[in-house]
Amino acid sequence: MAKVETMSLDEKFDIAQRAMDLEETGNLEEADRLMKTIPLPYYLAKVMKEKMGLDALLNSGWNLSDAEAEFGSEWLRK
């Protein structure tokens, strides 16, 4: 299955820069929330699912759109 890009690299860098700016001002919770809007790479989502379990992965707050694009939507339900 071919990987589908859900967010451009420039968009990811922009979000990461804004998150770093928030960290510098001490707003760590907002920085963390913002970073989790960047899709978690599918291979990391797979490892997290295997090591932590599906519920923990789903409750982690990460954007899982890349994993869903790579493995299919059913992957997040199994």
C-alpha atoms as a PDB file:
ATOM      1  CA  MET A   1       0.000   0.000   0.000  1.00  0.00           C
ATOM      2  CA  ALA A   2       1.473   3.380  -0.980  1.00  0.00           C
ATOM      3  CA  LYS A   3       1.954   6.005   1.678  1.00  0.00           C
ATOM      4  CA  VAL A   4      -0.435   8.929   1.383  1.00  0.00           C
ATOM      5  CA  GLU A   5       0.930  12.270   2.527  1.00  0.00           C
ATOM      6  CA  THR A   6      -1.672  13.890   4.742  1.00  0.00           C
ATOM      7  CA  MET A   7       0.267  17.039   5.612  1.00  0.00           C
ATOM      8  CA  SER A   8       3.047  18.743   3.713  1.00  0.00           C
ATOM      9  CA  LEU A   9       6.534  18.909   5.157  1.00  0.00           C
ATOM     10  CA  ASP A  10       6.283  22.719   5.229  1.00  0.00           C
ATOM     11  CA  GLU A  11       3.075  22.470   7.264  1.00  0.00           C
ATOM     12  CA  LYS A  12       4.773  20.108   9.704  1.00  0.00           C
ATOM     13  CA  PHE A  13       7.760  22.443  10.075  1.00  0.00           C
ATOM     14  CA  ASP A  14       5.462  25.443  10.635  1.00  0.00           C
ATOM     15  CA  ILE A  15       3.579  23.616  13.381  1.00  0.00           C
ATOM     16  CA  ALA A  16       6.822  22.452  14.994  1.00  0.00           C
ATOM     17  CA  GLN A  17       8.169  26.018  14.959  1.00  0.00           C
ATOM     18  CA  ARG A  18       5.014  27.360  16.595  1.00  0.00           C
ATOM     19  CA  ALA A  19       5.250  24.601  19.213  1.00  0.00           C
ATOM     20  CA  MET A  20       8.882  25.498  19.957  1.00  0.00           C
ATOM     21  CA  ASP A  21       7.862  29.143  20.307  1.00  0.00           C
ATOM     22  CA  LEU A  22       5.176  28.106  22.800  1.00  0.00           C
ATOM     23  CA  GLU A  23       7.718  26.040  24.751  1.00  0.00           C
ATOM     24  CA  GLU A  24      10.007  29.050  24.987  1.00  0.00           C
ATOM     25  CA  THR A  25       7.186  31.034  26.594  1.00  0.00           C
ATOM     26  CA  GLY A  26       6.541  28.209  29.069  1.00  0.00           C
ATOM     27  CA  ASN A  27       3.284  27.049  27.503  1.00  0.00           C
ATOM     28  CA  LEU A  28       4.257  23.379  27.495  1.00  0.00           C
ATOM     29  CA  GLU A  29       0.756  21.910  27.434  1.00  0.00           C
ATOM     30  CA  GLU A  30      -0.238  23.922  24.372  1.00  0.00           C
ATOM     31  CA  ALA A  31       3.073  23.071  22.670  1.00  0.00           C
ATOM     32  CA  ASP A  32       2.442  19.366  23.281  1.00  0.00           C
ATOM     33  CA  ARG A  33      -1.127  19.623  22.005  1.00  0.00           C
ATOM     34  CA  LEU A  34       0.044  21.430  18.878  1.00  0.00           C
ATOM     35  CA  MET A  35       2.826  18.904  18.155  1.00  0.00           C
ATOM     36  CA  LYS A  36       0.297  16.077  18.342  1.00  0.00           C
ATOM     37  CA  THR A  37      -1.595  17.634  15.425  1.00  0.00           C
ATOM     38  CA  ILE A  38       1.306  16.567  13.198  1.00  0.00           C
ATOM     39  CA  PRO A  39       0.552  13.054  11.939  1.00  0.00           C
ATOM     40  CA  LEU A  40       2.510  10.451  13.861  1.00  0.00           C
ATOM     41  CA  PRO A  41       4.586   8.472  11.334  1.00  0.00           C
ATOM     42  CA  TYR A  42       2.804   5.204  10.577  1.00  0.00           C
ATOM     43  CA  TYR A  43       5.762   3.067  11.660  1.00  0.00           C
ATOM     44  CA  LEU A  44       5.836   4.740  15.097  1.00  0.00           C
ATOM     45  CA  ALA A  45       2.084   4.275  15.449  1.00  0.00           C
ATOM     46  CA  LYS A  46       2.559   0.578  14.671  1.00  0.00           C
ATOM     47  CA  VAL A  47       5.243   0.197  17.352  1.00  0.00           C
ATOM     48  CA  MET A  48       3.169   2.129  19.878  1.00  0.00           C
ATOM     49  CA  LYS A  49       0.142  -0.060  19.156  1.00  0.00           C
ATOM     50  CA  GLU A  50       2.227  -3.220  19.598  1.00  0.00           C
ATOM     51  CA  LYS A  51       4.000  -2.062  22.772  1.00  0.00           C
ATOM     52  CA  MET A  52       1.323   0.045  24.503  1.00  0.00           C
ATOM     53  CA  GLY A  53      -1.869  -1.392  23.093  1.00  0.00           C
ATOM     54  CA  LEU A  54      -4.600   0.022  20.910  1.00  0.00           C
ATOM     55  CA  ASP A  55      -6.437   1.863  23.681  1.00  0.00           C
ATOM     56  CA  ALA A  56      -3.299   3.681  24.816  1.00  0.00           C
ATOM     57  CA  LEU A  57      -2.496   4.647  21.228  1.00  0.00           C
ATOM     58  CA  LEU A  58      -6.009   5.963  20.627  1.00  0.00           C
ATOM     59  CA  ASN A  59      -5.954   7.872  23.928  1.00  0.00           C
ATOM     60  CA  SER A  60      -2.503   9.348  23.299  1.00  0.00           C
ATOM     61  CA  GLY A  61      -3.875  12.316  21.395  1.00  0.00           C
ATOM     62  CA  TRP A  62      -1.642  11.837  18.373  1.00  0.00           C
ATOM     63  CA  ASN A  63      -2.919  12.478  14.857  1.00  0.00           C
ATOM     64  CA  LEU A  64      -3.057   8.956  13.401  1.00  0.00           C
ATOM     65  CA  SER A  65      -4.008   9.898   9.843  1.00  0.00           C
ATOM     66  CA  ASP A  66      -0.744   8.600   8.337  1.00  0.00           C
ATOM     67  CA  ALA A  67      -1.202   5.204  10.020  1.00  0.00           C
ATOM     68  CA  GLU A  68      -4.790   5.054   8.834  1.00  0.00           C
ATOM     69  CA  ALA A  69      -3.694   5.931   5.287  1.00  0.00           C
ATOM     70  CA  GLU A  70      -0.940   3.298   5.380  1.00  0.00           C
ATOM     71  CA  PHE A  71      -2.756   0.433   7.092  1.00  0.00           C
ATOM     72  CA  GLY A  72      -6.428   1.247   6.448  1.00  0.00           C
ATOM     73  CA  SER A  73      -9.097   2.500   8.800  1.00  0.00           C
ATOM     74  CA  GLU A  74      -9.785  -0.981  10.205  1.00  0.00           C
ATOM     75  CA  TRP A  75      -6.253  -1.067  11.645  1.00  0.00           C
ATOM     76  CA  LEU A  76      -7.321   1.427  14.290  1.00  0.00           C
ATOM     77  CA  ARG A  77     -10.222  -0.768  15.342  1.00  0.00           C
ATOM     78  CA  LYS A  78      -8.396  -4.105  15.705  1.00  0.00           C
END
